[in-house]
Amino acid sequence: MDPQYTRDSPFGRWLADRAAEAQMIDALLPDPGSAPSSTERWAACETARIHHKVSCPLGPPLAQRVADLLYVDAWDVVDAFQER
């Protein structure tokens, strides 16, 4: 069972939407075993969401980790974090 993404804010919804897209990309990979686990992806997204919720800065390592797991650019994560 996949972890449930919290959609309690625009940033939380953005993360959940990108995670859903990443799961679709995972299915297209030639070696599905090389895809990150759903738990690993959820944990990184949840950490970023909590940082956002408590107004804690999103550090570059976390932004890059979330970006890698969601198959997006790190600047997209930073932009979404700051806009929402």
C-alpha atoms as a PDB file:
ATOM      1  CA  MET A   1       0.000   0.000   0.000  1.00  0.00           C
ATOM      2  CA  ASP A   2       1.398   3.375  -0.998  1.00  0.00           C
ATOM      3  CA  PRO A   3       1.740   6.037   1.685  1.00  0.00           C
ATOM      4  CA  GLN A   4      -0.867   8.770   1.640  1.00  0.00           C
ATOM      5  CA  TYR A   5       0.357  12.245   0.726  1.00  0.00           C
ATOM      6  CA  THR A   6      -0.952  15.116   2.827  1.00  0.00           C
ATOM      7  CA  ARG A   7      -2.725  17.715   0.695  1.00  0.00           C
ATOM      8  CA  ASP A   8      -3.306  20.272   3.448  1.00  0.00           C
ATOM      9  CA  SER A   9      -1.717  23.183   1.564  1.00  0.00           C
ATOM     10  CA  PRO A  10      -0.977  24.230  -2.001  1.00  0.00           C
ATOM     11  CA  PHE A  11       2.610  23.028  -1.543  1.00  0.00           C
ATOM     12  CA  GLY A  12       1.374  19.696  -0.170  1.00  0.00           C
ATOM     13  CA  ARG A  13      -0.893  19.306  -3.199  1.00  0.00           C
ATOM     14  CA  TRP A  14       1.986  20.211  -5.517  1.00  0.00           C
ATOM     15  CA  LEU A  15       4.154  17.518  -3.920  1.00  0.00           C
ATOM     16  CA  ALA A  16       1.367  14.929  -4.110  1.00  0.00           C
ATOM     17  CA  ASP A  17       0.692  15.714  -7.774  1.00  0.00           C
ATOM     18  CA  ARG A  18       4.391  15.481  -8.680  1.00  0.00           C
ATOM     19  CA  ALA A  19       4.681  12.204  -6.743  1.00  0.00           C
ATOM     20  CA  ALA A  20       1.752  10.749  -8.703  1.00  0.00           C
ATOM     21  CA  GLU A  21       3.439  11.789 -11.947  1.00  0.00           C
ATOM     22  CA  ALA A  22       6.725  10.259 -10.765  1.00  0.00           C
ATOM     23  CA  GLN A  23       4.975   6.952 -10.080  1.00  0.00           C
ATOM     24  CA  MET A  24       3.697   6.938 -13.660  1.00  0.00           C
ATOM     25  CA  ILE A  25       7.250   7.576 -14.882  1.00  0.00           C
ATOM     26  CA  ASP A  26       8.483   4.711 -12.683  1.00  0.00           C
ATOM     27  CA  ALA A  27       6.186   2.353 -14.587  1.00  0.00           C
ATOM     28  CA  LEU A  28       7.841   3.365 -17.860  1.00  0.00           C
ATOM     29  CA  LEU A  29      11.405   2.732 -16.716  1.00  0.00           C
ATOM     30  CA  PRO A  30      13.137  -0.176 -18.466  1.00  0.00           C
ATOM     31  CA  ASP A  31      14.185  -1.518 -15.058  1.00  0.00           C
ATOM     32  CA  PRO A  32      11.354  -0.800 -12.593  1.00  0.00           C
ATOM     33  CA  GLY A  33      13.590  -2.081  -9.781  1.00  0.00           C
ATOM     34  CA  SER A  34      15.793   0.995 -10.236  1.00  0.00           C
ATOM     35  CA  ALA A  35      12.934   3.334  -9.276  1.00  0.00           C
ATOM     36  CA  PRO A  36      12.905   4.768  -5.769  1.00  0.00           C
ATOM     37  CA  SER A  37      10.585   3.104  -3.304  1.00  0.00           C
ATOM     38  CA  SER A  38       7.246   4.760  -2.612  1.00  0.00           C
ATOM     39  CA  THR A  39       8.244   5.009   1.055  1.00  0.00           C
ATOM     40  CA  GLU A  40      11.494   6.776   0.207  1.00  0.00           C
ATOM     41  CA  ARG A  41       9.662   9.238  -2.046  1.00  0.00           C
ATOM     42  CA  TRP A  42       6.935   9.852   0.540  1.00  0.00           C
ATOM     43  CA  ALA A  43       9.471  10.429   3.340  1.00  0.00           C
ATOM     44  CA  ALA A  44      11.354  13.086   1.372  1.00  0.00           C
ATOM     45  CA  CYS A  45       8.137  14.832   0.318  1.00  0.00           C
ATOM     46  CA  GLU A  46       6.742  14.699   3.838  1.00  0.00           C
ATOM     47  CA  THR A  47       9.948  16.185   5.231  1.00  0.00           C
ATOM     48  CA  ALA A  48       9.757  19.062   2.733  1.00  0.00           C
ATOM     49  CA  ARG A  49       6.048  19.562   3.482  1.00  0.00           C
ATOM     50  CA  ILE A  50       6.719  19.774   7.221  1.00  0.00           C
ATOM     51  CA  HIS A  51       9.560  22.252   6.625  1.00  0.00           C
ATOM     52  CA  HIS A  52       7.086  24.367   4.683  1.00  0.00           C
ATOM     53  CA  LYS A  53       4.354  24.042   7.313  1.00  0.00           C
ATOM     54  CA  VAL A  54       6.588  25.216  10.167  1.00  0.00           C
ATOM     55  CA  SER A  55       8.315  27.879   8.024  1.00  0.00           C
ATOM     56  CA  CYS A  56      11.690  26.164   8.182  1.00  0.00           C
ATOM     57  CA  PRO A  57      13.975  26.934   5.224  1.00  0.00           C
ATOM     58  CA  LEU A  58      14.279  24.300   2.546  1.00  0.00           C
ATOM     59  CA  GLY A  59      17.984  23.509   2.348  1.00  0.00           C
ATOM     60  CA  PRO A  60      19.685  22.655  -0.940  1.00  0.00           C
ATOM     61  CA  PRO A  61      20.283  18.969  -0.048  1.00  0.00           C
ATOM     62  CA  LEU A  62      16.593  18.401   0.729  1.00  0.00           C
ATOM     63  CA  ALA A  63      15.450  20.312  -2.350  1.00  0.00           C
ATOM     64  CA  GLN A  64      17.785  18.226  -4.521  1.00  0.00           C
ATOM     65  CA  ARG A  65      16.688  14.951  -2.900  1.00  0.00           C
ATOM     66  CA  VAL A  66      12.998  15.726  -3.446  1.00  0.00           C
ATOM     67  CA  ALA A  67      13.735  16.799  -7.026  1.00  0.00           C
ATOM     68  CA  ASP A  68      15.618  13.580  -7.746  1.00  0.00           C
ATOM     69  CA  LEU A  69      12.777  11.457  -6.394  1.00  0.00           C
ATOM     70  CA  LEU A  70      10.096  13.402  -8.273  1.00  0.00           C
ATOM     71  CA  TYR A  71      12.042  13.652 -11.550  1.00  0.00           C
ATOM     72  CA  VAL A  72      11.881  17.454 -11.562  1.00  0.00           C
ATOM     73  CA  ASP A  73      14.458  20.208 -11.380  1.00  0.00           C
ATOM     74  CA  ALA A  74      15.518  21.305  -7.887  1.00  0.00           C
ATOM     75  CA  TRP A  75      14.580  24.876  -8.771  1.00  0.00           C
ATOM     76  CA  ASP A  76      11.005  23.718  -9.425  1.00  0.00           C
ATOM     77  CA  VAL A  77      10.893  22.401  -5.859  1.00  0.00           C
ATOM     78  CA  VAL A  78      12.333  25.653  -4.502  1.00  0.00           C
ATOM     79  CA  ASP A  79       9.896  27.749  -6.552  1.00  0.00           C
ATOM     80  CA  ALA A  80       6.903  25.705  -5.418  1.00  0.00           C
ATOM     81  CA  PHE A  81       8.105  25.878  -1.805  1.00  0.00           C
ATOM     82  CA  GLN A  82       8.416  29.671  -1.950  1.00  0.00           C
ATOM     83  CA  GLU A  83       5.215  30.355  -3.911  1.00  0.00           C
ATOM     84  CA  ARG A  84       2.867  28.232  -1.916  1.00  0.00           C
END
